[in-house]
Protein backbone atom coordinates (compact mmCIF):
# COMPACT_ATOMS: atom_id res chain seq x y z
CA UNK A 1 -8.22 20.65 -10.71
CA UNK A 2 -11.81 20.39 -11.92
CA UNK A 3 -14.46 19.59 -9.33
CA UNK A 4 -16.67 17.80 -11.85
CA UNK A 5 -15.81 14.88 -14.09
CA UNK A 6 -17.45 13.08 -16.97
CA UNK A 7 -15.60 10.02 -15.69
CA UNK A 8 -17.42 9.90 -12.35
CA UNK A 9 -19.85 7.20 -13.50
CA UNK A 10 -20.13 3.92 -11.63
CA UNK A 11 -18.65 2.09 -14.60
CA UNK A 12 -15.54 4.24 -14.69
CA UNK A 13 -15.09 4.14 -10.93
CA UNK A 14 -14.89 0.35 -11.13
CA UNK A 15 -12.09 0.66 -13.67
CA UNK A 16 -10.34 3.19 -11.43
CA UNK A 17 -9.16 1.13 -8.46
CA UNK A 18 -10.17 2.05 -4.94
CA UNK A 19 -7.02 1.48 -2.91
CA UNK A 20 -7.25 1.52 0.90
CA UNK A 21 -4.07 3.11 2.28
CA UNK A 22 -3.11 1.12 5.38
CA UNK A 23 -6.63 -0.28 5.21
CA UNK A 24 -9.59 1.94 6.04
CA UNK A 25 -7.24 4.08 8.10
CA UNK A 26 -9.50 7.14 8.31
CA UNK A 27 -11.88 5.29 10.62
CA UNK A 28 -9.99 2.29 12.02
CA UNK A 29 -6.50 1.73 13.44
CA UNK A 30 -4.16 1.69 10.46
CA UNK A 31 -2.55 -1.55 9.30
CA UNK A 32 -4.71 -3.69 11.57
CA UNK A 33 -7.16 -6.45 10.77
CA UNK A 34 -10.22 -4.28 11.54
CA UNK A 35 -8.98 -1.65 9.08
CA UNK A 36 -8.39 -4.28 6.39
CA UNK A 37 -11.73 -6.03 6.84
CA UNK A 38 -13.65 -2.75 6.89
CA UNK A 39 -11.85 -1.70 3.71
CA UNK A 40 -13.11 -4.84 1.98
CA UNK A 41 -16.64 -4.16 3.25
CA UNK A 42 -16.38 -0.64 1.80
CA UNK A 43 -15.49 -2.02 -1.63
CA UNK A 44 -11.72 -1.61 -1.76
CA UNK A 45 -10.19 -3.18 -4.86
CA UNK A 46 -6.73 -3.17 -3.30
CA UNK A 47 -5.28 -2.74 0.17
CA UNK A 48 -1.94 -1.00 0.72
CA UNK A 49 0.06 -2.13 3.76
CA UNK A 50 3.56 -1.91 5.21
CA UNK A 51 5.84 -4.75 6.28
CA UNK A 52 8.73 -4.88 8.75
CA UNK A 53 10.61 -7.87 10.15
CA UNK A 54 10.63 -8.80 13.83
CA UNK A 55 13.77 -9.80 15.67
CA UNK A 56 12.85 -13.43 15.15
CA UNK A 57 12.15 -13.00 11.44
CA UNK A 58 8.36 -12.66 11.14
CA UNK A 59 6.88 -10.31 8.53
CA UNK A 60 4.54 -8.05 10.50
CA UNK A 61 2.28 -5.28 9.26
CA UNK A 62 3.04 -1.84 10.68
CA UNK A 63 4.03 1.46 9.11
CA UNK A 64 6.54 2.96 11.53
CA UNK A 65 9.94 1.59 12.47
CA UNK A 66 8.76 1.57 16.08
CA UNK A 67 5.52 0.88 17.90
CA UNK A 68 5.42 4.15 19.84
CA UNK A 69 2.76 5.98 17.79
CA UNK A 70 0.39 3.13 17.05
CA UNK A 71 0.40 1.00 20.21
CA UNK A 72 0.55 1.20 23.98
CA UNK A 73 4.20 0.11 23.91
CA UNK A 74 7.56 1.51 22.99
CA UNK A 75 10.50 0.22 20.99
CA UNK A 76 11.73 -0.66 17.52
CA UNK A 77 10.03 -3.48 15.64
CA UNK A 78 13.41 -4.94 14.69
CA UNK A 79 14.31 -5.34 18.37
CA UNK A 80 11.13 -7.18 19.36
CA UNK A 81 9.98 -10.75 18.85
CA UNK A 82 6.55 -11.54 17.49
CA UNK A 83 5.48 -12.75 20.94
CA UNK A 84 6.56 -9.45 22.47
CA UNK A 85 4.67 -7.48 19.83
CA UNK A 86 1.59 -9.61 20.43
CA UNK A 87 1.46 -8.31 24.01
CA UNK A 88 0.78 -4.78 22.75
CA UNK A 89 -2.57 -3.17 21.94
CA UNK A 90 -2.64 -1.45 18.54
CA UNK A 91 -6.08 0.10 19.10
CA UNK A 92 -4.43 3.52 19.29
CA UNK A 93 -7.64 5.25 18.21
CA UNK A 94 -9.19 4.01 21.45
CA UNK A 95 -12.24 2.61 19.68
CA UNK A 96 -13.94 0.70 22.49
CA UNK A 97 -16.03 -1.31 20.04
CA UNK A 98 -12.86 -3.01 18.76
CA UNK A 99 -11.40 -4.04 22.09
CA UNK A 100 -7.70 -4.84 22.05
CA UNK A 101 -6.14 -5.07 18.58
CA UNK A 102 -3.04 -7.15 17.91
CA UNK A 103 -0.42 -6.65 15.25
CA UNK A 104 -1.08 -8.89 12.21
CA UNK A 105 1.50 -10.88 10.30
CA UNK A 106 1.54 -10.80 6.53
CA UNK A 107 0.64 -14.48 6.37
CA UNK A 108 -2.39 -13.98 8.61
CA UNK A 109 -3.68 -11.16 6.46
CA UNK A 110 -3.28 -13.15 3.24
CA UNK A 111 -5.14 -16.09 4.77
CA UNK A 112 -8.07 -13.82 5.64
CA UNK A 113 -8.34 -11.69 2.48
CA UNK A 114 -7.15 -14.08 -0.23
CA UNK A 115 -9.52 -13.92 -3.21
CA UNK A 116 -11.35 -10.89 -1.79
CA UNK A 117 -8.99 -8.04 -2.69
CA UNK A 118 -5.58 -7.28 -4.14
CA UNK A 119 -2.64 -6.33 -1.94
CA UNK A 120 0.03 -3.68 -2.35
CA UNK A 121 2.77 -4.77 0.05
CA UNK A 122 5.27 -2.03 0.83
CA UNK A 123 8.67 -3.20 2.03
CA UNK A 124 9.92 -0.86 4.76
CA UNK A 125 13.68 -0.99 4.48
CA UNK A 126 14.77 2.49 5.51
CA UNK A 127 16.31 3.82 7.70
CA UNK A 128 16.57 0.35 9.23
CA UNK A 129 17.75 -2.32 6.84
CA UNK A 130 16.15 -5.73 7.16
CA UNK A 131 18.50 -8.31 5.66
CA UNK A 132 16.41 -10.87 3.83
CA UNK A 133 13.10 -8.97 3.85
CA UNK A 134 12.81 -9.32 0.08
CA UNK A 135 13.18 -13.10 0.20
CA UNK A 136 10.88 -13.42 3.21
CA UNK A 137 8.01 -11.54 1.57
CA UNK A 138 8.54 -13.05 -1.88
CA UNK A 139 8.52 -16.54 -0.37
CA UNK A 140 5.26 -15.84 1.49
CA UNK A 141 3.60 -14.49 -1.64
CA UNK A 142 4.71 -17.50 -3.67
CA UNK A 143 3.85 -20.07 -1.00
CA UNK A 144 0.40 -18.59 -0.37
CA UNK A 145 -0.39 -18.62 -4.09
CA UNK A 146 -1.26 -14.92 -4.39
CA UNK A 147 1.27 -13.71 -6.94
CA UNK A 148 -1.49 -12.64 -9.32
CA UNK A 149 -3.10 -10.50 -6.60
CA UNK A 150 0.00 -8.77 -5.22
CA UNK A 151 2.26 -5.83 -5.97
CA UNK A 152 5.41 -5.44 -3.87
CA UNK A 153 6.41 -1.79 -3.64
CA UNK A 154 9.14 0.15 -1.89
CA UNK A 155 10.98 3.45 -1.73
CA UNK A 156 14.10 1.26 -1.63
CA UNK A 157 14.46 0.58 -5.33
CA UNK A 158 17.36 -1.80 -4.71
CA UNK A 159 14.89 -3.95 -2.79
CA UNK A 160 12.63 -4.06 -5.83
CA UNK A 161 15.52 -5.23 -8.00
CA UNK A 162 16.21 -7.96 -5.45
CA UNK A 163 12.57 -9.08 -5.49
CA UNK A 164 12.65 -9.42 -9.28
CA UNK A 165 15.89 -11.40 -9.05
CA UNK A 166 14.32 -13.76 -6.53
CA UNK A 167 11.04 -14.21 -8.40
CA UNK A 168 10.58 -12.54 -11.81
CA UNK A 169 6.85 -13.34 -11.72
CA UNK A 170 6.19 -10.98 -8.82
CA UNK A 171 4.92 -7.54 -9.81
CA UNK A 172 6.81 -4.61 -8.33
CA UNK A 173 5.79 -0.98 -7.79
CA UNK A 174 8.16 2.00 -7.74
CA UNK A 175 7.33 4.29 -4.83
CA UNK A 176 8.63 7.84 -4.96
CA UNK A 177 7.90 11.46 -4.17
CA UNK A 178 9.33 14.75 -5.38
CA UNK A 179 11.07 15.39 -8.67
CA UNK A 180 12.74 12.42 -10.36
CA UNK A 181 15.40 13.49 -12.86
CA UNK A 182 16.10 10.01 -14.25
CA UNK A 183 12.48 8.96 -14.16
CA UNK A 184 12.20 7.07 -17.46
CA UNK A 185 15.57 5.36 -16.99
CA UNK A 186 14.77 4.35 -13.42
CA UNK A 187 11.37 2.89 -14.30
CA UNK A 188 12.89 0.94 -17.15
CA UNK A 189 15.85 -0.30 -15.13
CA UNK A 190 13.56 -1.56 -12.37
CA UNK A 191 11.29 -3.50 -14.67
CA UNK A 192 8.42 -2.16 -12.59
CA UNK A 193 4.82 -3.16 -13.12
CA UNK A 194 3.45 0.04 -11.60
CA UNK A 195 4.58 3.41 -10.32
CA UNK A 196 3.32 5.00 -7.11
CA UNK A 197 3.97 8.76 -6.95
CA UNK A 198 2.98 11.13 -4.18
CA UNK A 199 -0.13 13.05 -5.23
CA UNK A 200 1.31 16.35 -4.00
CA UNK A 201 4.39 16.14 -6.24
CA UNK A 202 2.98 14.58 -9.41
CA UNK A 203 4.72 15.40 -12.68
CA UNK A 204 1.91 15.22 -15.24
CA UNK A 205 4.20 14.62 -18.22
CA UNK A 206 5.93 11.72 -16.46
CA UNK A 207 2.66 10.01 -15.63
CA UNK A 208 1.35 10.45 -19.15
CA UNK A 209 4.55 8.88 -20.47
CA UNK A 210 4.25 6.01 -18.00
CA UNK A 211 0.69 5.19 -19.02
CA UNK A 212 1.56 5.36 -22.71
CA UNK A 213 4.34 2.85 -22.02
CA UNK A 214 1.91 0.49 -20.32
CA UNK A 215 2.81 1.05 -16.67
CA UNK A 216 -0.03 1.21 -14.14
CA UNK A 217 -0.11 4.33 -11.97
CA UNK A 218 -1.35 4.31 -8.37
CA UNK A 219 -0.71 7.66 -6.63
CA UNK A 220 -0.78 8.20 -2.86
CA UNK A 221 -2.60 9.64 -0.96
CA UNK A 222 -5.63 11.46 -2.42
CA UNK A 223 -7.05 13.62 0.36
CA UNK A 224 -10.35 14.62 -1.23
CA UNK A 225 -12.67 13.70 -4.10
CA UNK A 226 -11.46 16.66 -6.15
CA UNK A 227 -7.98 15.11 -6.36
CA UNK A 228 -9.44 11.75 -7.40
CA UNK A 229 -11.52 13.34 -10.16
CA UNK A 230 -8.51 15.31 -11.37
CA UNK A 231 -6.47 12.11 -11.72
CA UNK A 232 -9.35 10.59 -13.65
CA UNK A 233 -10.10 13.63 -15.85
CA UNK A 234 -6.48 13.96 -16.88
CA UNK A 235 -6.06 10.21 -17.44
CA UNK A 236 -3.11 10.22 -15.08
CA UNK A 237 -3.78 7.13 -13.01
CA UNK A 238 -5.37 3.70 -12.82
CA UNK A 239 -6.45 4.10 -9.22
CA UNK A 240 -5.70 6.12 -6.11
CA UNK A 241 -4.70 5.33 -2.55
CA UNK A 242 -6.90 6.97 0.07
CA UNK A 243 -7.30 6.87 3.82
CA UNK A 244 -11.03 7.54 3.49
CA UNK A 245 -12.83 5.20 1.10
CA UNK A 246 -15.98 7.33 1.21
CA UNK A 247 -14.18 9.69 -1.19
CA UNK A 248 -15.13 7.23 -3.93
CA UNK A 249 -18.85 7.71 -3.30
CA UNK A 250 -20.85 9.09 -6.18
CA UNK A 251 -21.83 12.38 -4.66
CA UNK A 252 -19.60 15.35 -5.38
CA UNK A 253 -17.75 16.99 -2.50
């Protein structure tokens, strides 16, 4: 990868989307309202987030299947009600300036950020299966009027097919990592709007094909500015997911 890029101008960086992975997760508790709001302040064009369903059917934003790592509680999200989850503190970074941090619902986040940034909503449907998660999220996106600002992505490609069946207007993103032998067939079969490969396992030829075919490419997660500039230099992507939004600053690192 080259450390310098002729595409590192401010104009090009605006065309290359700054995507906040789980919000501004380098500095704030991931997938929480502080992380999302700070991402917007830092100029994020899109926020990536993860959705699970509670026992009583609410779409909540959290990455893991359980709350053990990111809160002061224990247990699987699927086994807890929203009220039970609301009793937990998700300020796992112990940032005293934030006080206690509650788990957000998808609807709450949309109400706060609508019109301020795009959203990449990842459906978490493995290893736990959430019957109806596709309909729940698609209905929220439609009812809140944010279809034009949302991509629904997932490693569960069957879930993406279901989303398109429920609402063909919703854009879907194919998440994957590692080698993909039936790549072109899979992308075509899914009718995806975008593809989201892992940066560490990118197949350059596949991404070049995807962009020629008109698919948007949003890799995850760029760990340094060198990786971002490589994606830009090689014309491999339309944006990059990062934990640290400062990687998009103009100065070289």
